[in-house]
Amino acid sequence: GMRGLAVFISDIRNCKSKEAEVKRINKELANIRSKFKGDKTLDGYQKKKYVCKLLFIFLLGHDIDFGHMEAVNLLSSNKYTEKQIGYLFISVLMAASSDLMKLVIQGIKNDLGSRNPVHINLALQCVANIGAREMAESLNQEIPKLLVSGDTIDNVKQSAALCLLRLIRSAGDAIPMGEWASRVIHLLNDQHLGVVTAAVSLIQLLSNSSPDEYKGCVALGVSRLSRIVTSSYTDLQDYTYYFVPAPWLSVKLLRLLQNYPPPEDAT
């Protein structure tokens, strides 16, 4: 609970006119600016609170031209809420061309290399939200490694696949996926259907531009589709919709298989 933030939001909601709201916001902006410039003793909690206020002011439709450096500093925090607010501010307010992008990417690299899956997911979501070419060029080894590593937990793999999907759509030439092709295809065999669903979307995109490299997906795709269709309700309980097992994944697999001619092997 950030009491100062709650009081500020309450003040804004209680304003009787647009002029009163603007006056209250300008007063708050002046206070935050002076705190960031003059107070060298601000701790993580205070930075988080002021950055949250700036986010709220931005969402009300006002331009924010400061606070970016403080948000970047929050990325180095080990506290989830502080790191989360830092990433949120960067995702919403920082342009891909910002001078601070190199510092942001370094913070992301630090989190991707950590053993904390929550921090890794925050970093991946930030990359996916911004999708900048500079990020694609700087992280074109780290993210594929996370995706195919045997040590990566399921929800991180899922996020890594969707993050790569975003980066390849925005700057595909910056991420050479050739060396990872066979290992990405084998994600179709993953036990976690969330990982498989994200991986199929990624493979679909990759196979459009490099069909020969990803033709191994046909046999694995048919096998996975067969297992889904013949599974019982209890096998895929979390992914069953109106007694149909994993319908969205089935559709994705069928779309992927449309990229290739039917296999000659009758089985």
Protein backbone atom coordinates (compact mmCIF):
# COMPACT_ATOMS: atom_id res chain seq x y z
CA GLY A 1 0.00 0.00 0.00
CA MET A 2 1.51 3.30 -1.15
CA ARG A 3 -0.45 5.79 0.93
CA GLY A 4 0.89 8.85 -0.93
CA LEU A 5 -0.24 7.40 -4.25
CA ALA A 6 -3.69 6.53 -2.88
CA VAL A 7 -4.12 10.09 -1.51
CA PHE A 8 -3.03 11.62 -4.83
CA ILE A 9 -5.48 9.48 -6.83
CA SER A 10 -8.23 10.39 -4.37
CA ASP A 11 -7.42 14.10 -4.77
CA ILE A 12 -7.64 13.82 -8.56
CA ARG A 13 -10.98 12.00 -8.41
CA ASN A 14 -12.39 14.63 -6.07
CA CYS A 15 -11.51 17.55 -8.36
CA LYS A 16 -14.66 19.44 -9.39
CA SER A 17 -13.29 20.74 -12.70
CA LYS A 18 -10.64 20.08 -15.31
CA GLU A 19 -8.79 23.21 -14.21
CA ALA A 20 -8.62 21.94 -10.62
CA GLU A 21 -7.30 18.59 -11.84
CA VAL A 22 -4.58 20.24 -13.95
CA LYS A 23 -3.59 22.47 -11.02
CA ARG A 24 -3.29 19.47 -8.68
CA ILE A 25 -1.27 17.52 -11.28
CA ASN A 26 1.10 20.42 -11.92
CA LYS A 27 1.68 20.77 -8.19
CA GLU A 28 2.48 17.05 -7.94
CA LEU A 29 4.79 17.14 -10.97
CA ALA A 30 6.72 20.05 -9.44
CA ASN A 31 7.07 18.14 -6.17
CA ILE A 32 8.27 14.94 -7.89
CA ARG A 33 10.73 16.86 -10.06
CA SER A 34 12.23 18.59 -7.02
CA LYS A 35 12.50 15.25 -5.17
CA PHE A 36 14.29 13.59 -8.10
CA LYS A 37 16.65 16.55 -8.55
CA GLY A 38 17.39 17.56 -5.00
CA ASP A 39 16.90 14.57 -2.70
CA LYS A 40 19.86 12.19 -2.92
CA THR A 41 18.52 9.97 -0.12
CA LEU A 42 15.45 8.62 -1.96
CA ASP A 43 15.08 4.91 -1.33
CA GLY A 44 13.56 2.32 -3.66
CA TYR A 45 10.10 2.63 -2.09
CA GLN A 46 10.00 6.41 -2.61
CA LYS A 47 11.24 6.13 -6.20
CA LYS A 48 8.61 3.49 -6.86
CA LYS A 49 5.88 5.71 -5.39
CA TYR A 50 6.86 8.75 -7.47
CA VAL A 51 7.25 6.69 -10.65
CA CYS A 52 3.75 5.25 -10.03
CA LYS A 53 2.39 8.77 -9.76
CA LEU A 54 4.02 9.70 -13.06
CA LEU A 55 2.46 6.62 -14.68
CA PHE A 56 -0.97 7.59 -13.35
CA ILE A 57 -0.56 11.17 -14.62
CA PHE A 58 0.47 9.84 -18.04
CA LEU A 59 -2.59 7.58 -18.16
CA LEU A 60 -4.74 10.66 -17.52
CA GLY A 61 -3.43 12.07 -20.81
CA HIS A 62 -0.58 14.33 -19.66
CA ASP A 63 2.93 14.28 -21.16
CA ILE A 64 5.75 13.05 -18.92
CA ASP A 65 9.28 14.19 -19.82
CA PHE A 66 11.24 13.08 -16.74
CA GLY A 67 11.51 10.13 -14.34
CA HIS A 68 12.95 7.75 -16.93
CA MET A 69 16.32 7.45 -15.19
CA GLU A 70 14.66 6.72 -11.85
CA ALA A 71 12.62 3.97 -13.51
CA VAL A 72 15.79 2.46 -14.98
CA ASN A 73 17.37 2.53 -11.52
CA LEU A 74 14.44 0.48 -10.17
CA LEU A 75 15.46 -2.39 -12.49
CA SER A 76 18.46 -3.11 -10.27
CA SER A 77 16.25 -3.61 -7.20
CA ASN A 78 15.83 -7.12 -5.82
CA LYS A 79 12.32 -6.27 -4.61
CA TYR A 80 9.65 -7.49 -6.99
CA THR A 81 7.30 -4.49 -6.64
CA GLU A 82 10.09 -1.98 -7.33
CA LYS A 83 11.42 -3.89 -10.33
CA GLN A 84 7.87 -4.40 -11.63
CA ILE A 85 7.07 -0.67 -11.54
CA GLY A 86 10.40 0.12 -13.23
CA TYR A 87 9.62 -2.28 -16.09
CA LEU A 88 6.04 -1.02 -16.33
CA PHE A 89 7.15 2.60 -16.68
CA ILE A 90 9.76 1.67 -19.30
CA SER A 91 7.27 -0.45 -21.28
CA VAL A 92 4.64 2.30 -21.32
CA LEU A 93 6.65 5.52 -21.58
CA MET A 94 10.09 4.82 -23.03
CA ALA A 95 10.59 5.18 -26.77
CA ALA A 96 12.71 2.62 -28.60
CA SER A 97 15.05 5.46 -29.64
CA SER A 98 15.65 6.67 -26.08
CA ASP A 99 19.23 7.47 -25.02
CA LEU A 100 18.65 5.29 -21.95
CA MET A 101 17.92 2.15 -23.99
CA LYS A 102 21.47 0.79 -23.52
CA LEU A 103 21.04 1.00 -19.74
CA VAL A 104 17.64 -0.68 -20.00
CA ILE A 105 19.10 -3.51 -22.09
CA GLN A 106 21.89 -4.03 -19.56
CA GLY A 107 19.31 -4.26 -16.77
CA ILE A 108 17.33 -6.77 -18.86
CA LYS A 109 20.46 -8.85 -19.49
CA ASN A 110 21.15 -8.95 -15.75
CA ASP A 111 17.62 -10.21 -15.07
CA LEU A 112 17.68 -12.76 -17.92
CA GLY A 113 20.88 -14.16 -16.42
CA SER A 114 19.45 -14.40 -12.92
CA ARG A 115 17.99 -17.55 -11.34
CA ASN A 116 14.78 -15.81 -10.35
CA PRO A 117 12.02 -16.81 -12.83
CA VAL A 118 9.85 -13.86 -11.79
CA HIS A 119 12.61 -11.38 -12.70
CA ILE A 120 13.26 -13.23 -15.97
CA ASN A 121 9.59 -13.03 -16.91
CA LEU A 122 9.43 -9.31 -16.13
CA ALA A 123 12.42 -8.75 -18.43
CA LEU A 124 10.92 -10.86 -21.24
CA GLN A 125 7.58 -9.06 -21.02
CA CYS A 126 9.32 -5.68 -21.23
CA VAL A 127 11.25 -6.77 -24.34
CA ALA A 128 8.06 -8.09 -25.94
CA ASN A 129 6.18 -4.86 -25.17
CA ILE A 130 8.83 -2.59 -26.69
CA GLY A 131 10.12 -4.89 -29.44
CA ALA A 132 12.97 -2.56 -30.39
CA ARG A 133 15.57 -3.55 -33.00
CA GLU A 134 18.36 -2.64 -30.57
CA MET A 135 16.91 -5.17 -28.10
CA ALA A 136 16.70 -7.84 -30.80
CA GLU A 137 20.34 -7.28 -31.77
CA SER A 138 21.58 -7.26 -28.17
CA LEU A 139 19.54 -10.22 -26.87
CA ASN A 140 19.59 -12.53 -29.91
CA GLN A 141 21.54 -15.18 -27.98
CA GLU A 142 20.12 -14.89 -24.47
CA ILE A 143 16.43 -15.33 -25.32
CA PRO A 144 16.78 -18.38 -27.66
CA LYS A 145 19.02 -20.02 -25.02
CA LEU A 146 16.30 -19.53 -22.41
CA LEU A 147 13.74 -21.05 -24.77
CA VAL A 148 15.62 -24.29 -25.47
CA SER A 149 17.49 -24.78 -22.19
CA GLY A 150 16.57 -27.86 -20.18
CA ASP A 151 16.92 -25.84 -16.97
CA THR A 152 14.27 -23.26 -17.92
CA ILE A 153 10.91 -23.65 -16.18
CA ASP A 154 7.72 -23.89 -18.24
CA ASN A 155 6.26 -20.41 -17.79
CA VAL A 156 9.62 -18.82 -18.65
CA LYS A 157 9.85 -20.96 -21.82
CA GLN A 158 6.38 -19.84 -22.77
CA SER A 159 7.28 -16.18 -22.27
CA ALA A 160 10.56 -16.62 -24.17
CA ALA A 161 8.73 -18.11 -27.18
CA LEU A 162 6.22 -15.25 -27.28
CA CYS A 163 9.00 -12.69 -26.78
CA LEU A 164 10.93 -14.13 -29.74
CA LEU A 165 7.75 -14.11 -31.80
CA ARG A 166 7.41 -10.36 -31.16
CA LEU A 167 11.07 -9.59 -31.92
CA ILE A 168 11.12 -11.63 -35.13
CA ARG A 169 8.00 -9.83 -36.33
CA SER A 170 9.61 -6.44 -35.73
CA ALA A 171 13.28 -7.17 -36.54
CA GLY A 172 13.60 -10.73 -37.84
CA ASP A 173 16.95 -10.22 -39.57
CA ALA A 174 18.52 -9.31 -36.22
CA ILE A 175 17.83 -12.78 -34.76
CA PRO A 176 19.52 -15.64 -36.66
CA MET A 177 17.45 -18.66 -35.56
CA GLY A 178 19.14 -21.22 -37.86
CA GLU A 179 21.35 -22.72 -35.15
CA TRP A 180 18.33 -23.15 -32.85
CA ALA A 181 15.94 -24.64 -35.44
CA SER A 182 16.02 -28.32 -34.45
CA ARG A 183 15.77 -27.56 -30.74
CA VAL A 184 12.85 -25.17 -31.28
CA ILE A 185 11.03 -27.84 -33.34
CA HIS A 186 11.43 -30.33 -30.48
CA LEU A 187 9.41 -28.02 -28.23
CA LEU A 188 6.39 -29.60 -29.95
CA ASN A 189 7.14 -32.61 -27.73
CA ASP A 190 7.17 -30.56 -24.53
CA GLN A 191 4.98 -31.90 -21.72
CA HIS A 192 3.55 -28.45 -20.95
CA LEU A 193 0.81 -27.52 -23.43
CA GLY A 194 1.30 -23.81 -22.76
CA VAL A 195 4.88 -24.11 -23.99
CA VAL A 196 3.73 -26.10 -27.03
CA THR A 197 1.05 -23.53 -27.90
CA ALA A 198 3.56 -20.65 -27.77
CA ALA A 199 6.16 -22.69 -29.67
CA VAL A 200 3.72 -23.53 -32.50
CA SER A 201 3.06 -19.81 -33.07
CA LEU A 202 6.82 -19.19 -33.22
CA ILE A 203 7.49 -22.15 -35.55
CA GLN A 204 4.61 -21.08 -37.81
CA LEU A 205 6.29 -17.69 -38.31
CA LEU A 206 9.78 -19.17 -38.78
CA SER A 207 8.59 -21.81 -41.24
CA ASN A 208 7.00 -19.16 -43.44
CA SER A 209 10.44 -17.72 -44.23
CA SER A 210 12.57 -20.89 -43.90
CA PRO A 211 10.33 -23.90 -44.70
CA ASP A 212 13.21 -26.35 -45.28
CA GLU A 213 14.82 -25.64 -41.91
CA TYR A 214 11.58 -26.37 -40.07
CA LYS A 215 10.17 -29.28 -42.12
CA GLY A 216 10.94 -31.56 -39.16
CA CYS A 217 7.89 -29.99 -37.49
CA VAL A 218 5.56 -32.06 -39.72
CA ALA A 219 6.16 -35.44 -38.05
CA LEU A 220 6.16 -33.93 -34.55
CA GLY A 221 3.12 -31.79 -35.33
CA VAL A 222 1.12 -34.77 -36.62
CA SER A 223 2.16 -36.81 -33.59
CA ARG A 224 1.14 -34.08 -31.15
CA LEU A 225 -2.18 -33.53 -32.95
CA SER A 226 -2.86 -37.27 -32.80
CA ARG A 227 -2.22 -37.33 -29.05
CA ILE A 228 -4.56 -34.39 -28.50
CA VAL A 229 -7.40 -35.88 -30.55
CA THR A 230 -7.18 -39.27 -28.85
CA SER A 231 -6.68 -37.94 -25.32
CA SER A 232 -9.29 -38.24 -22.60
CA TYR A 233 -10.84 -35.37 -20.67
CA THR A 234 -8.69 -36.04 -17.60
CA ASP A 235 -5.44 -36.02 -19.63
CA LEU A 236 -5.90 -32.40 -20.75
CA GLN A 237 -8.38 -31.16 -18.16
CA ASP A 238 -6.83 -27.67 -17.92
CA TYR A 239 -6.91 -27.25 -21.70
CA THR A 240 -10.35 -28.72 -22.46
CA TYR A 241 -13.12 -26.43 -23.69
CA TYR A 242 -16.68 -27.81 -23.84
CA PHE A 243 -15.25 -31.35 -23.81
CA VAL A 244 -12.97 -30.56 -26.78
CA PRO A 245 -9.31 -31.12 -25.81
CA ALA A 246 -6.98 -28.17 -26.53
CA PRO A 247 -8.97 -26.71 -29.47
CA TRP A 248 -6.75 -23.64 -29.90
CA LEU A 249 -3.58 -25.71 -30.04
CA SER A 250 -5.23 -28.10 -32.53
CA VAL A 251 -6.07 -25.17 -34.83
CA LYS A 252 -2.52 -23.80 -34.56
CA LEU A 253 -1.07 -27.21 -35.42
CA LEU A 254 -3.36 -27.56 -38.45
CA ARG A 255 -2.32 -24.11 -39.67
CA LEU A 256 1.33 -25.06 -39.26
CA LEU A 257 0.87 -28.32 -41.18
CA GLN A 258 -0.78 -26.37 -44.02
CA ASN A 259 2.68 -24.96 -44.82
CA TYR A 260 3.85 -28.41 -45.99
CA PRO A 261 2.54 -31.14 -48.30
CA PRO A 262 0.97 -34.18 -46.58
CA PRO A 263 3.64 -36.66 -45.42
CA GLU A 264 4.12 -39.70 -47.64
CA ASP A 265 4.38 -41.99 -44.63
CA ALA A 266 0.84 -43.33 -44.27
CA THR A 267 1.21 -43.98 -40.52
